[in-house]
Amino acid sequence: MNIDIFLILAQDGLVNAAVYALAAIALVLVYAVTRIVFVPQGEFVAYGALTFAGLLAGVVPMTVWLMLAGSVLLSTVDIWKAYRGGVPSKVLGKALSEILYALAVAFVAWRFAPGGMSQLLAIPLTLAIMIPLGPQIYRLAFEPIAGASVLMLLIVATAVHFVMVGVGLLAFGAEGSRNPPVADFSMNWGPVLVTAQSVWVIVASLAGIVALWLFFGFTLRGRALRAVAVNRIGAKLVGIRGKHAGRLTFALAAAIGTSCGILISPVTTIYYDTGFLIGLKGFVAAIIGGLASYPLAAVGALLVGILESYSSFWASAYKEVIVFTLIIPVLLWRSLRGIHFEEE
């Protein structure tokens, strides 16, 4: 390996690491707040990328109707409960506002998507379609068993993953999509050809990480999520409702996963089941961070991205094996160093 190949592989590793870092941070966030090892996090990546591709191609994506159906179903349940139990009118207002939001987003997609959309419009519309799916999945699959054991939550998360993969096949088909880059500009930095898309992926990922840091450090909702992550019972005693924290966490996970999909879709072809592998690599990075530390998870993502890139040069047939083998010494080390206790 000469220096030219070394630098090219380093660039690829950094681009991959930027995406894995976002996936890892989302996994750490979901686990810290809800104790759910969210296996389907990668599905948000695939759904986001393919929804974005559909809007660019002039097709109304199926996720629009999934989001609309979920909003109508769950809001109808809320209205029915309010009617039966005499719940305050603010519940009715919230349910109606969710339906109106879903209808407005569906109308915008139905009105403007058939002619094809610019990336500038398609990005916020993709996020507007995808973000409500996160809280909807939480309400349908996890909220009724929020107090269950970690193992039970993991089993349900695995089932949700398989359901989402199947729905993805029905919604998007077996064909993959690869979106055009944000910009075609490129420049030579020494022997390395640096593309604008690579820079965009790294800068956008760093901006997302900074935005999350600001959210958790300087906003009331972010501090509430941190409080739930540190001590769920204590947070409940001071009035922070775990149900709302879970919904907000899944909304953030959907936003992060969709952003990953939008960023990576011009770099590689995305299929309906591509997200699983991306989510698994994010999981390896999250495990390096102990499913608790955001900075260590980001460092783990950098290690995974770089290792994957150089493995593809030295042993491309075994690069996935090499990356996933990384988790074994980390688990051994944490098992020997950590304090074991029975879950209550």
C-alpha atoms as a PDB file:
ATOM      1  CA  MET A   1       0.000   0.000   0.000  1.00  0.00           C
ATOM      2  CA  ASN A   2       1.441   3.340  -0.999  1.00  0.00           C
ATOM      3  CA  ILE A   3       0.578   6.723   0.455  1.00  0.00           C
ATOM      4  CA  ASP A   4      -1.948   7.498  -2.297  1.00  0.00           C
ATOM      5  CA  ILE A   5      -4.055   4.425  -1.547  1.00  0.00           C
ATOM      6  CA  PHE A   6      -3.653   5.035   2.194  1.00  0.00           C
ATOM      7  CA  LEU A   7      -5.156   8.542   1.897  1.00  0.00           C
ATOM      8  CA  ILE A   8      -7.980   7.428  -0.411  1.00  0.00           C
ATOM      9  CA  LEU A   9      -8.980   4.683   2.014  1.00  0.00           C
ATOM     10  CA  ALA A  10      -8.766   7.143   4.904  1.00  0.00           C
ATOM     11  CA  GLN A  11     -11.206   9.450   3.116  1.00  0.00           C
ATOM     12  CA  ASP A  12     -13.668   6.593   2.526  1.00  0.00           C
ATOM     13  CA  GLY A  13     -13.319   5.553   6.144  1.00  0.00           C
ATOM     14  CA  LEU A  14     -14.085   9.064   7.403  1.00  0.00           C
ATOM     15  CA  VAL A  15     -17.213   9.316   5.225  1.00  0.00           C
ATOM     16  CA  ASN A  16     -18.496   5.955   6.457  1.00  0.00           C
ATOM     17  CA  ALA A  17     -17.598   6.814  10.047  1.00  0.00           C
ATOM     18  CA  ALA A  18     -19.628  10.034   9.872  1.00  0.00           C
ATOM     19  CA  VAL A  19     -22.768   8.042   9.016  1.00  0.00           C
ATOM     20  CA  TYR A  20     -22.058   5.302  11.572  1.00  0.00           C
ATOM     21  CA  ALA A  21     -21.544   7.971  14.240  1.00  0.00           C
ATOM     22  CA  LEU A  22     -25.064   9.308  13.747  1.00  0.00           C
ATOM     23  CA  ALA A  23     -26.512   5.786  13.830  1.00  0.00           C
ATOM     24  CA  ALA A  24     -24.550   4.987  17.002  1.00  0.00           C
ATOM     25  CA  ILE A  25     -25.666   8.174  18.747  1.00  0.00           C
ATOM     26  CA  ALA A  26     -29.298   7.375  17.928  1.00  0.00           C
ATOM     27  CA  LEU A  27     -28.907   3.865  19.376  1.00  0.00           C
ATOM     28  CA  VAL A  28     -27.297   5.204  22.550  1.00  0.00           C
ATOM     29  CA  LEU A  29     -30.044   7.806  22.899  1.00  0.00           C
ATOM     30  CA  VAL A  30     -32.870   5.270  22.527  1.00  0.00           C
ATOM     31  CA  TYR A  31     -31.278   2.791  24.927  1.00  0.00           C
ATOM     32  CA  ALA A  32     -30.424   5.397  27.559  1.00  0.00           C
ATOM     33  CA  VAL A  33     -33.961   6.780  27.699  1.00  0.00           C
ATOM     34  CA  THR A  34     -36.103   3.684  27.044  1.00  0.00           C
ATOM     35  CA  ARG A  35     -33.764   0.651  27.654  1.00  0.00           C
ATOM     36  CA  ILE A  36     -34.610  -0.537  24.118  1.00  0.00           C
ATOM     37  CA  VAL A  37     -31.814  -1.928  21.927  1.00  0.00           C
ATOM     38  CA  PHE A  38     -33.430  -0.482  18.854  1.00  0.00           C
ATOM     39  CA  VAL A  39     -32.593  -3.042  16.169  1.00  0.00           C
ATOM     40  CA  PRO A  40     -34.706  -1.305  13.455  1.00  0.00           C
ATOM     41  CA  GLN A  41     -32.690   1.942  13.632  1.00  0.00           C
ATOM     42  CA  GLY A  42     -31.169   1.058  10.251  1.00  0.00           C
ATOM     43  CA  GLU A  43     -34.632   0.820   8.692  1.00  0.00           C
ATOM     44  CA  PHE A  44     -35.035   4.555   9.224  1.00  0.00           C
ATOM     45  CA  VAL A  45     -31.887   4.973   7.112  1.00  0.00           C
ATOM     46  CA  ALA A  46     -33.274   2.859   4.250  1.00  0.00           C
ATOM     47  CA  TYR A  47     -36.774   4.352   4.462  1.00  0.00           C
ATOM     48  CA  GLY A  48     -35.352   7.881   4.519  1.00  0.00           C
ATOM     49  CA  ALA A  49     -33.061   7.301   1.544  1.00  0.00           C
ATOM     50  CA  LEU A  50     -35.777   5.629  -0.559  1.00  0.00           C
ATOM     51  CA  THR A  51     -38.397   8.240   0.381  1.00  0.00           C
ATOM     52  CA  PHE A  52     -35.928  10.927  -0.669  1.00  0.00           C
ATOM     53  CA  ALA A  53     -35.273   9.059  -3.925  1.00  0.00           C
ATOM     54  CA  GLY A  54     -39.003   8.784  -4.637  1.00  0.00           C
ATOM     55  CA  LEU A  55     -39.578  12.499  -4.172  1.00  0.00           C
ATOM     56  CA  LEU A  56     -36.650  13.334  -6.467  1.00  0.00           C
ATOM     57  CA  ALA A  57     -37.966  10.904  -9.091  1.00  0.00           C
ATOM     58  CA  GLY A  58     -41.475  12.390  -9.047  1.00  0.00           C
ATOM     59  CA  VAL A  59     -43.147   9.543  -7.161  1.00  0.00           C
ATOM     60  CA  VAL A  60     -45.255   9.920  -4.030  1.00  0.00           C
ATOM     61  CA  PRO A  61     -43.522   7.460  -1.674  1.00  0.00           C
ATOM     62  CA  MET A  62     -45.522   4.858   0.222  1.00  0.00           C
ATOM     63  CA  THR A  63     -44.161   6.245   3.501  1.00  0.00           C
ATOM     64  CA  VAL A  64     -46.542   9.196   3.056  1.00  0.00           C
ATOM     65  CA  TRP A  65     -49.523   6.865   3.361  1.00  0.00           C
ATOM     66  CA  LEU A  66     -47.892   4.924   6.214  1.00  0.00           C
ATOM     67  CA  MET A  67     -47.405   8.158   8.135  1.00  0.00           C
ATOM     68  CA  LEU A  68     -50.943   9.322   7.366  1.00  0.00           C
ATOM     69  CA  ALA A  69     -52.506   5.972   8.332  1.00  0.00           C
ATOM     70  CA  GLY A  70     -50.528   5.842  11.588  1.00  0.00           C
ATOM     71  CA  SER A  71     -51.514   9.390  12.544  1.00  0.00           C
ATOM     72  CA  VAL A  72     -55.198   8.803  11.836  1.00  0.00           C
ATOM     73  CA  LEU A  73     -55.224   5.457  13.671  1.00  0.00           C
ATOM     74  CA  LEU A  74     -53.440   6.661  16.817  1.00  0.00           C
ATOM     75  CA  SER A  75     -55.268   9.982  16.936  1.00  0.00           C
ATOM     76  CA  THR A  76     -58.584   8.168  16.603  1.00  0.00           C
ATOM     77  CA  VAL A  77     -57.615   5.989  19.572  1.00  0.00           C
ATOM     78  CA  ASP A  78     -56.761   9.108  21.591  1.00  0.00           C
ATOM     79  CA  ILE A  79     -60.068  10.758  20.679  1.00  0.00           C
ATOM     80  CA  TRP A  80     -61.978   7.586  21.588  1.00  0.00           C
ATOM     81  CA  LYS A  81     -60.225   7.395  24.966  1.00  0.00           C
ATOM     82  CA  ALA A  82     -60.972  11.068  25.554  1.00  0.00           C
ATOM     83  CA  TYR A  83     -64.612  10.497  24.720  1.00  0.00           C
ATOM     84  CA  ARG A  84     -64.874   7.472  27.027  1.00  0.00           C
ATOM     85  CA  GLY A  85     -62.914   8.872  29.933  1.00  0.00           C
ATOM     86  CA  GLY A  86     -63.699  12.533  29.817  1.00  0.00           C
ATOM     87  CA  VAL A  87     -60.085  13.478  29.130  1.00  0.00           C
ATOM     88  CA  PRO A  88     -59.410  17.241  28.963  1.00  0.00           C
ATOM     89  CA  SER A  89     -59.948  18.975  25.656  1.00  0.00           C
ATOM     90  CA  LYS A  90     -56.190  19.455  25.153  1.00  0.00           C
ATOM     91  CA  VAL A  91     -55.951  15.748  24.287  1.00  0.00           C
ATOM     92  CA  LEU A  92     -58.558  16.232  21.592  1.00  0.00           C
ATOM     93  CA  GLY A  93     -56.722  19.282  20.311  1.00  0.00           C
ATOM     94  CA  LYS A  94     -53.408  17.402  20.173  1.00  0.00           C
ATOM     95  CA  ALA A  95     -54.978  14.461  18.336  1.00  0.00           C
ATOM     96  CA  LEU A  96     -56.640  16.735  15.798  1.00  0.00           C
ATOM     97  CA  SER A  97     -53.420  18.706  15.269  1.00  0.00           C
ATOM     98  CA  GLU A  98     -51.544  15.460  14.509  1.00  0.00           C
ATOM     99  CA  ILE A  99     -54.149  14.508  11.908  1.00  0.00           C
ATOM    100  CA  LEU A 100     -54.019  17.977  10.343  1.00  0.00           C
ATOM    101  CA  TYR A 101     -50.201  17.814  10.246  1.00  0.00           C
ATOM    102  CA  ALA A 102     -50.278  14.427   8.505  1.00  0.00           C
ATOM    103  CA  LEU A 103     -52.882  15.644   6.002  1.00  0.00           C
ATOM    104  CA  ALA A 104     -50.858  18.785   5.264  1.00  0.00           C
ATOM    105  CA  VAL A 105     -47.653  16.802   4.650  1.00  0.00           C
ATOM    106  CA  ALA A 106     -49.518  14.278   2.466  1.00  0.00           C
ATOM    107  CA  PHE A 107     -51.083  17.124   0.458  1.00  0.00           C
ATOM    108  CA  VAL A 108     -47.689  18.762  -0.150  1.00  0.00           C
ATOM    109  CA  ALA A 109     -46.227  15.423  -1.288  1.00  0.00           C
ATOM    110  CA  TRP A 110     -49.227  14.637  -3.489  1.00  0.00           C
ATOM    111  CA  ARG A 111     -49.254  18.165  -4.978  1.00  0.00           C
ATOM    112  CA  PHE A 112     -45.563  18.708  -5.693  1.00  0.00           C
ATOM    113  CA  ALA A 113     -43.916  15.263  -5.896  1.00  0.00           C
ATOM    114  CA  PRO A 114     -45.378  14.090  -9.271  1.00  0.00           C
ATOM    115  CA  GLY A 115     -43.447  16.766 -11.160  1.00  0.00           C
ATOM    116  CA  GLY A 116     -40.194  15.915  -9.422  1.00  0.00           C
ATOM    117  CA  MET A 117     -38.690  17.983  -6.642  1.00  0.00           C
ATOM    118  CA  SER A 118     -35.408  19.736  -6.102  1.00  0.00           C
ATOM    119  CA  GLN A 119     -33.161  18.421  -3.340  1.00  0.00           C
ATOM    120  CA  LEU A 120     -33.693  21.675  -1.438  1.00  0.00           C
ATOM    121  CA  LEU A 121     -37.423  20.900  -1.110  1.00  0.00           C
ATOM    122  CA  ALA A 122     -37.180  17.118  -0.966  1.00  0.00           C
ATOM    123  CA  ILE A 123     -34.895  17.065   2.120  1.00  0.00           C
ATOM    124  CA  PRO A 124     -37.280  18.865   4.540  1.00  0.00           C
ATOM    125  CA  LEU A 125     -40.287  17.036   3.086  1.00  0.00           C
ATOM    126  CA  THR A 126     -38.552  13.673   3.613  1.00  0.00           C
ATOM    127  CA  LEU A 127     -37.881  14.603   7.235  1.00  0.00           C
ATOM    128  CA  ALA A 128     -41.480  15.788   7.661  1.00  0.00           C
ATOM    129  CA  ILE A 129     -42.733  12.430   6.375  1.00  0.00           C
ATOM    130  CA  MET A 130     -40.333  10.229   8.313  1.00  0.00           C
ATOM    131  CA  ILE A 131     -40.102  11.843  11.761  1.00  0.00           C
ATOM    132  CA  PRO A 132     -43.723  11.033  12.808  1.00  0.00           C
ATOM    133  CA  LEU A 133     -43.071   7.348  12.049  1.00  0.00           C
ATOM    134  CA  GLY A 134     -40.708   7.163  15.039  1.00  0.00           C
ATOM    135  CA  PRO A 135     -43.263   8.059  17.757  1.00  0.00           C
ATOM    136  CA  GLN A 136     -45.886   5.982  15.952  1.00  0.00           C
ATOM    137  CA  ILE A 137     -43.694   2.866  16.130  1.00  0.00           C
ATOM    138  CA  TYR A 138     -42.986   3.556  19.795  1.00  0.00           C
ATOM    139  CA  ARG A 139     -46.679   3.927  20.615  1.00  0.00           C
ATOM    140  CA  LEU A 140     -47.690   0.791  18.724  1.00  0.00           C
ATOM    141  CA  ALA A 141     -44.871  -1.567  19.705  1.00  0.00           C
ATOM    142  CA  PHE A 142     -43.121  -0.389  22.858  1.00  0.00           C
ATOM    143  CA  GLU A 143     -45.256   1.992  24.908  1.00  0.00           C
ATOM    144  CA  PRO A 144     -47.659  -0.752  26.109  1.00  0.00           C
ATOM    145  CA  ILE A 145     -44.669  -2.786  27.428  1.00  0.00           C
ATOM    146  CA  ALA A 146     -42.439   0.082  28.536  1.00  0.00           C
ATOM    147  CA  GLY A 147     -41.878  -1.562  31.921  1.00  0.00           C
ATOM    148  CA  ALA A 148     -40.864  -4.945  30.516  1.00  0.00           C
ATOM    149  CA  SER A 149     -37.372  -6.416  30.824  1.00  0.00           C
ATOM    150  CA  VAL A 150     -34.570  -5.455  28.450  1.00  0.00           C
ATOM    151  CA  LEU A 151     -34.699  -8.938  26.923  1.00  0.00           C
ATOM    152  CA  MET A 152     -38.421  -8.653  26.185  1.00  0.00           C
ATOM    153  CA  LEU A 153     -37.910  -5.199  24.646  1.00  0.00           C
ATOM    154  CA  LEU A 154     -35.076  -6.604  22.513  1.00  0.00           C
ATOM    155  CA  ILE A 155     -37.313  -9.417  21.253  1.00  0.00           C
ATOM    156  CA  VAL A 156     -40.032  -6.942  20.321  1.00  0.00           C
ATOM    157  CA  ALA A 157     -37.453  -4.681  18.644  1.00  0.00           C
ATOM    158  CA  THR A 158     -36.261  -7.628  16.552  1.00  0.00           C
ATOM    159  CA  ALA A 159     -39.843  -8.386  15.535  1.00  0.00           C
ATOM    160  CA  VAL A 160     -40.366  -4.738  14.574  1.00  0.00           C
ATOM    161  CA  HIS A 161     -37.218  -4.945  12.457  1.00  0.00           C
ATOM    162  CA  PHE A 162     -38.562  -7.879  10.444  1.00  0.00           C
ATOM    163  CA  VAL A 163     -41.932  -6.163  10.028  1.00  0.00           C
ATOM    164  CA  MET A 164     -40.276  -2.982   8.790  1.00  0.00           C
ATOM    165  CA  VAL A 165     -38.080  -4.907   6.335  1.00  0.00           C
ATOM    166  CA  GLY A 166     -41.176  -6.614   4.915  1.00  0.00           C
ATOM    167  CA  VAL A 167     -43.098  -3.355   4.698  1.00  0.00           C
ATOM    168  CA  GLY A 168     -40.053  -1.780   3.040  1.00  0.00           C
ATOM    169  CA  LEU A 169     -40.063  -4.481   0.359  1.00  0.00           C
ATOM    170  CA  LEU A 170     -43.757  -3.859  -0.322  1.00  0.00           C
ATOM    171  CA  ALA A 171     -43.387  -0.079  -0.274  1.00  0.00           C
ATOM    172  CA  PHE A 172     -40.194   0.379  -2.274  1.00  0.00           C
ATOM    173  CA  GLY A 173     -39.731  -2.878  -4.158  1.00  0.00           C
ATOM    174  CA  ALA A 174     -36.561  -4.930  -4.531  1.00  0.00           C
ATOM    175  CA  GLU A 175     -34.791  -2.429  -6.795  1.00  0.00           C
ATOM    176  CA  GLY A 176     -32.249  -0.136  -5.207  1.00  0.00           C
ATOM    177  CA  SER A 177     -31.882   3.615  -5.649  1.00  0.00           C
ATOM    178  CA  ARG A 178     -28.906   5.893  -5.745  1.00  0.00           C
ATOM    179  CA  ASN A 179     -29.551   9.609  -5.535  1.00  0.00           C
ATOM    180  CA  PRO A 180     -27.586  12.342  -7.301  1.00  0.00           C
ATOM    181  CA  PRO A 181     -24.948  14.117  -5.208  1.00  0.00           C
ATOM    182  CA  VAL A 182     -25.678  17.456  -3.619  1.00  0.00           C
ATOM    183  CA  ALA A 183     -22.947  19.002  -5.774  1.00  0.00           C
ATOM    184  CA  ASP A 184     -20.667  17.639  -8.498  1.00  0.00           C
ATOM    185  CA  PHE A 185     -17.734  19.777  -7.447  1.00  0.00           C
ATOM    186  CA  SER A 186     -14.460  18.012  -6.727  1.00  0.00           C
ATOM    187  CA  MET A 187     -10.856  18.976  -6.152  1.00  0.00           C
ATOM    188  CA  ASN A 188      -7.505  17.255  -5.868  1.00  0.00           C
ATOM    189  CA  TRP A 189      -5.922  17.354  -2.421  1.00  0.00           C
ATOM    190  CA  GLY A 190      -2.564  15.873  -3.120  1.00  0.00           C
ATOM    191  CA  PRO A 191      -3.183  12.400  -4.552  1.00  0.00           C
ATOM    192  CA  VAL A 192      -6.729  12.293  -3.173  1.00  0.00           C
ATOM    193  CA  LEU A 193      -9.789  13.364  -5.151  1.00  0.00           C
ATOM    194  CA  VAL A 194     -12.039  15.082  -2.624  1.00  0.00           C
ATOM    195  CA  THR A 195     -15.660  15.290  -3.751  1.00  0.00           C
ATOM    196  CA  ALA A 196     -18.198  17.808  -2.493  1.00  0.00           C
ATOM    197  CA  GLN A 197     -20.472  14.942  -1.465  1.00  0.00           C
ATOM    198  CA  SER A 198     -17.806  13.523   0.867  1.00  0.00           C
ATOM    199  CA  VAL A 199     -17.306  16.920   2.465  1.00  0.00           C
ATOM    200  CA  TRP A 200     -21.088  17.372   2.732  1.00  0.00           C
ATOM    201  CA  VAL A 201     -21.509  14.025   4.539  1.00  0.00           C
ATOM    202  CA  ILE A 202     -18.791  14.784   7.090  1.00  0.00           C
ATOM    203  CA  VAL A 203     -19.856  18.407   7.682  1.00  0.00           C
ATOM    204  CA  ALA A 204     -23.551  17.520   7.948  1.00  0.00           C
ATOM    205  CA  SER A 205     -22.808  14.709  10.406  1.00  0.00           C
ATOM    206  CA  LEU A 206     -20.664  16.998  12.561  1.00  0.00           C
ATOM    207  CA  ALA A 207     -23.396  19.654  12.428  1.00  0.00           C
ATOM    208  CA  GLY A 208     -25.956  17.061  13.513  1.00  0.00           C
ATOM    209  CA  ILE A 209     -23.774  15.999  16.456  1.00  0.00           C
ATOM    210  CA  VAL A 210     -23.323  19.653  17.509  1.00  0.00           C
ATOM    211  CA  ALA A 211     -27.088  20.245  17.190  1.00  0.00           C
ATOM    212  CA  LEU A 212     -27.757  17.258  19.461  1.00  0.00           C
ATOM    213  CA  TRP A 213     -25.211  18.553  21.973  1.00  0.00           C
ATOM    214  CA  LEU A 214     -26.946  21.941  22.010  1.00  0.00           C
ATOM    215  CA  PHE A 215     -30.356  20.258  22.324  1.00  0.00           C
ATOM    216  CA  PHE A 216     -29.350  18.134  25.300  1.00  0.00           C
ATOM    217  CA  GLY A 217     -27.350  20.857  26.986  1.00  0.00           C
ATOM    218  CA  PHE A 218     -29.424  23.990  26.539  1.00  0.00           C
ATOM    219  CA  THR A 219     -33.092  23.065  26.009  1.00  0.00           C
ATOM    220  CA  LEU A 220     -35.694  22.011  28.562  1.00  0.00           C
ATOM    221  CA  ARG A 221     -36.778  18.949  26.589  1.00  0.00           C
ATOM    222  CA  GLY A 222     -33.180  17.863  26.058  1.00  0.00           C
ATOM    223  CA  ARG A 223     -32.428  18.157  29.776  1.00  0.00           C
ATOM    224  CA  ALA A 224     -35.604  16.203  30.512  1.00  0.00           C
ATOM    225  CA  LEU A 225     -34.372  13.376  28.280  1.00  0.00           C
ATOM    226  CA  ARG A 226     -31.004  13.438  30.037  1.00  0.00           C
ATOM    227  CA  ALA A 227     -32.765  13.240  33.381  1.00  0.00           C
ATOM    228  CA  VAL A 228     -34.737  10.190  32.255  1.00  0.00           C
ATOM    229  CA  ALA A 229     -31.552   8.581  30.957  1.00  0.00           C
ATOM    230  CA  VAL A 230     -29.738   9.133  34.266  1.00  0.00           C
ATOM    231  CA  ASN A 231     -32.546   8.153  36.640  1.00  0.00           C
ATOM    232  CA  ARG A 232     -35.982   7.148  35.356  1.00  0.00           C
ATOM    233  CA  ILE A 233     -37.638   6.963  38.766  1.00  0.00           C
ATOM    234  CA  GLY A 234     -36.179  10.273  39.894  1.00  0.00           C
ATOM    235  CA  ALA A 235     -37.265  11.924  36.651  1.00  0.00           C
ATOM    236  CA  LYS A 236     -40.773  10.584  37.129  1.00  0.00           C
ATOM    237  CA  LEU A 237     -40.881  11.919  40.677  1.00  0.00           C
ATOM    238  CA  VAL A 238     -40.121  15.439  39.459  1.00  0.00           C
ATOM    239  CA  GLY A 239     -42.868  15.295  36.834  1.00  0.00           C
ATOM    240  CA  ILE A 240     -41.075  14.116  33.684  1.00  0.00           C
ATOM    241  CA  ARG A 241     -43.361  11.615  32.016  1.00  0.00           C
ATOM    242  CA  GLY A 242     -41.611   8.583  30.592  1.00  0.00           C
ATOM    243  CA  LYS A 243     -44.246   8.187  27.892  1.00  0.00           C
ATOM    244  CA  HIS A 244     -43.537  11.600  26.415  1.00  0.00           C
ATOM    245  CA  ALA A 245     -39.782  11.076  26.773  1.00  0.00           C
ATOM    246  CA  GLY A 246     -40.058   7.824  24.798  1.00  0.00           C
ATOM    247  CA  ARG A 247     -42.026   9.443  21.993  1.00  0.00           C
ATOM    248  CA  LEU A 248     -39.594  12.344  21.747  1.00  0.00           C
ATOM    249  CA  THR A 249     -36.649   9.945  21.749  1.00  0.00           C
ATOM    250  CA  PHE A 250     -38.086   7.945  18.874  1.00  0.00           C
ATOM    251  CA  ALA A 251     -38.818  11.144  16.944  1.00  0.00           C
ATOM    252  CA  LEU A 252     -35.150  12.080  17.318  1.00  0.00           C
ATOM    253  CA  ALA A 253     -34.080   8.557  16.303  1.00  0.00           C
ATOM    254  CA  ALA A 254     -36.238   8.785  13.170  1.00  0.00           C
ATOM    255  CA  ALA A 255     -34.802  12.217  12.346  1.00  0.00           C
ATOM    256  CA  ILE A 256     -31.223  10.995  12.785  1.00  0.00           C
ATOM    257  CA  GLY A 257     -31.827   7.814  10.781  1.00  0.00           C
ATOM    258  CA  THR A 258     -33.493   9.723   7.951  1.00  0.00           C
ATOM    259  CA  SER A 259     -30.620  12.207   7.878  1.00  0.00           C
ATOM    260  CA  CYS A 260     -28.194   9.273   7.577  1.00  0.00           C
ATOM    261  CA  GLY A 261     -30.190   7.933   4.629  1.00  0.00           C
ATOM    262  CA  ILE A 262     -30.232  11.281   2.846  1.00  0.00           C
ATOM    263  CA  LEU A 263     -26.495  11.707   3.372  1.00  0.00           C
ATOM    264  CA  ILE A 264     -25.393   8.244   2.300  1.00  0.00           C
ATOM    265  CA  SER A 265     -27.800   7.694  -0.619  1.00  0.00           C
ATOM    266  CA  PRO A 266     -25.556   9.497  -3.166  1.00  0.00           C
ATOM    267  CA  VAL A 267     -22.532   7.484  -1.968  1.00  0.00           C
ATOM    268  CA  THR A 268     -23.946   3.973  -2.286  1.00  0.00           C
ATOM    269  CA  THR A 269     -27.015   2.228  -3.700  1.00  0.00           C
ATOM    270  CA  ILE A 270     -29.699   1.805  -1.056  1.00  0.00           C
ATOM    271  CA  TYR A 271     -32.065  -1.177  -1.058  1.00  0.00           C
ATOM    272  CA  TYR A 272     -35.026  -1.799   1.203  1.00  0.00           C
ATOM    273  CA  ASP A 273     -32.873  -3.942   3.525  1.00  0.00           C
ATOM    274  CA  THR A 274     -29.612  -1.985   3.357  1.00  0.00           C
ATOM    275  CA  GLY A 275     -30.312  -0.238   6.625  1.00  0.00           C
ATOM    276  CA  PHE A 276     -29.818  -3.375   8.704  1.00  0.00           C
ATOM    277  CA  LEU A 277     -26.092  -3.553   7.958  1.00  0.00           C
ATOM    278  CA  ILE A 278     -25.653   0.170   8.608  1.00  0.00           C
ATOM    279  CA  GLY A 279     -27.558  -0.169  11.870  1.00  0.00           C
ATOM    280  CA  LEU A 280     -25.392  -3.127  12.919  1.00  0.00           C
ATOM    281  CA  LYS A 281     -22.192  -1.155  12.342  1.00  0.00           C
ATOM    282  CA  GLY A 282     -23.683   1.706  14.313  1.00  0.00           C
ATOM    283  CA  PHE A 283     -24.486  -0.847  17.029  1.00  0.00           C
ATOM    284  CA  VAL A 284     -20.838  -1.967  17.153  1.00  0.00           C
ATOM    285  CA  ALA A 285     -19.828   1.669  17.629  1.00  0.00           C
ATOM    286  CA  ALA A 286     -22.508   2.116  20.297  1.00  0.00           C
ATOM    287  CA  ILE A 287     -21.255  -0.966  22.150  1.00  0.00           C
ATOM    288  CA  ILE A 288     -17.739   0.509  22.159  1.00  0.00           C
ATOM    289  CA  GLY A 289     -19.346   3.472  23.905  1.00  0.00           C
ATOM    290  CA  GLY A 290     -21.055   1.119  26.362  1.00  0.00           C
ATOM    291  CA  LEU A 291     -24.506   2.145  25.057  1.00  0.00           C
ATOM    292  CA  ALA A 292     -24.095   5.105  27.392  1.00  0.00           C
ATOM    293  CA  SER A 293     -21.412   7.494  26.166  1.00  0.00           C
ATOM    294  CA  TYR A 294     -22.027   9.644  23.091  1.00  0.00           C
ATOM    295  CA  PRO A 295     -18.371  10.714  22.637  1.00  0.00           C
ATOM    296  CA  LEU A 296     -17.114   7.124  22.950  1.00  0.00           C
ATOM    297  CA  ALA A 297     -19.785   5.978  20.499  1.00  0.00           C
ATOM    298  CA  ALA A 298     -18.538   8.586  18.024  1.00  0.00           C
ATOM    299  CA  VAL A 299     -14.958   7.388  18.551  1.00  0.00           C
ATOM    300  CA  GLY A 300     -16.166   3.817  18.040  1.00  0.00           C
ATOM    301  CA  ALA A 301     -17.824   4.858  14.775  1.00  0.00           C
ATOM    302  CA  LEU A 302     -14.542   6.364  13.605  1.00  0.00           C
ATOM    303  CA  LEU A 303     -12.768   3.110  14.440  1.00  0.00           C
ATOM    304  CA  VAL A 304     -15.424   1.035  12.637  1.00  0.00           C
ATOM    305  CA  GLY A 305     -15.340   3.254   9.527  1.00  0.00           C
ATOM    306  CA  ILE A 306     -11.543   3.262   9.263  1.00  0.00           C
ATOM    307  CA  LEU A 307     -11.265  -0.477   9.963  1.00  0.00           C
ATOM    308  CA  GLU A 308     -13.904  -1.261   7.350  1.00  0.00           C
ATOM    309  CA  SER A 309     -12.187   0.880   4.743  1.00  0.00           C
ATOM    310  CA  TYR A 310      -8.744  -0.663   5.177  1.00  0.00           C
ATOM    311  CA  SER A 311     -10.212  -4.156   5.513  1.00  0.00           C
ATOM    312  CA  SER A 312     -11.820  -3.727   2.105  1.00  0.00           C
ATOM    313  CA  PHE A 313      -8.308  -3.282   0.676  1.00  0.00           C
ATOM    314  CA  TRP A 314      -6.504  -6.051   2.506  1.00  0.00           C
ATOM    315  CA  ALA A 315      -9.322  -8.638   2.692  1.00  0.00           C
ATOM    316  CA  SER A 316     -12.450  -7.380   0.993  1.00  0.00           C
ATOM    317  CA  ALA A 317     -14.241 -10.736   1.293  1.00  0.00           C
ATOM    318  CA  TYR A 318     -13.875 -10.632   5.090  1.00  0.00           C
ATOM    319  CA  LYS A 319     -14.334  -6.922   5.796  1.00  0.00           C
ATOM    320  CA  GLU A 320     -17.716  -7.399   7.476  1.00  0.00           C
ATOM    321  CA  VAL A 321     -16.336 -10.244   9.594  1.00  0.00           C
ATOM    322  CA  ILE A 322     -13.395  -8.105  10.677  1.00  0.00           C
ATOM    323  CA  VAL A 323     -15.659  -5.202  11.624  1.00  0.00           C
ATOM    324  CA  PHE A 324     -18.115  -7.307  13.614  1.00  0.00           C
ATOM    325  CA  THR A 325     -15.296  -9.232  15.302  1.00  0.00           C
ATOM    326  CA  LEU A 326     -14.314  -5.909  16.830  1.00  0.00           C
ATOM    327  CA  ILE A 327     -17.234  -6.242  19.219  1.00  0.00           C
ATOM    328  CA  ILE A 328     -15.864  -9.407  20.903  1.00  0.00           C
ATOM    329  CA  PRO A 329     -12.838  -7.914  22.748  1.00  0.00           C
ATOM    330  CA  VAL A 330     -14.944  -4.878  23.690  1.00  0.00           C
ATOM    331  CA  LEU A 331     -17.630  -7.081  25.249  1.00  0.00           C
ATOM    332  CA  LEU A 332     -15.008  -9.209  27.018  1.00  0.00           C
ATOM    333  CA  TRP A 333     -13.309  -6.148  28.426  1.00  0.00           C
ATOM    334  CA  ARG A 334     -16.592  -4.623  29.592  1.00  0.00           C
ATOM    335  CA  SER A 335     -17.695  -7.928  31.059  1.00  0.00           C
ATOM    336  CA  LEU A 336     -14.501  -8.240  33.106  1.00  0.00           C
ATOM    337  CA  ARG A 337     -14.417  -4.595  34.169  1.00  0.00           C
ATOM    338  CA  GLY A 338     -18.118  -3.918  34.691  1.00  0.00           C
ATOM    339  CA  ILE A 339     -20.209  -4.437  37.817  1.00  0.00           C
ATOM    340  CA  HIS A 340     -22.915  -7.070  37.338  1.00  0.00           C
ATOM    341  CA  PHE A 341     -26.346  -6.773  38.888  1.00  0.00           C
ATOM    342  CA  GLU A 342     -29.721  -8.348  38.479  1.00  0.00           C
ATOM    343  CA  GLU A 343     -32.309  -6.326  36.618  1.00  0.00           C
ATOM    344  CA  GLU A 344     -35.293  -5.371  38.787  1.00  0.00           C
END
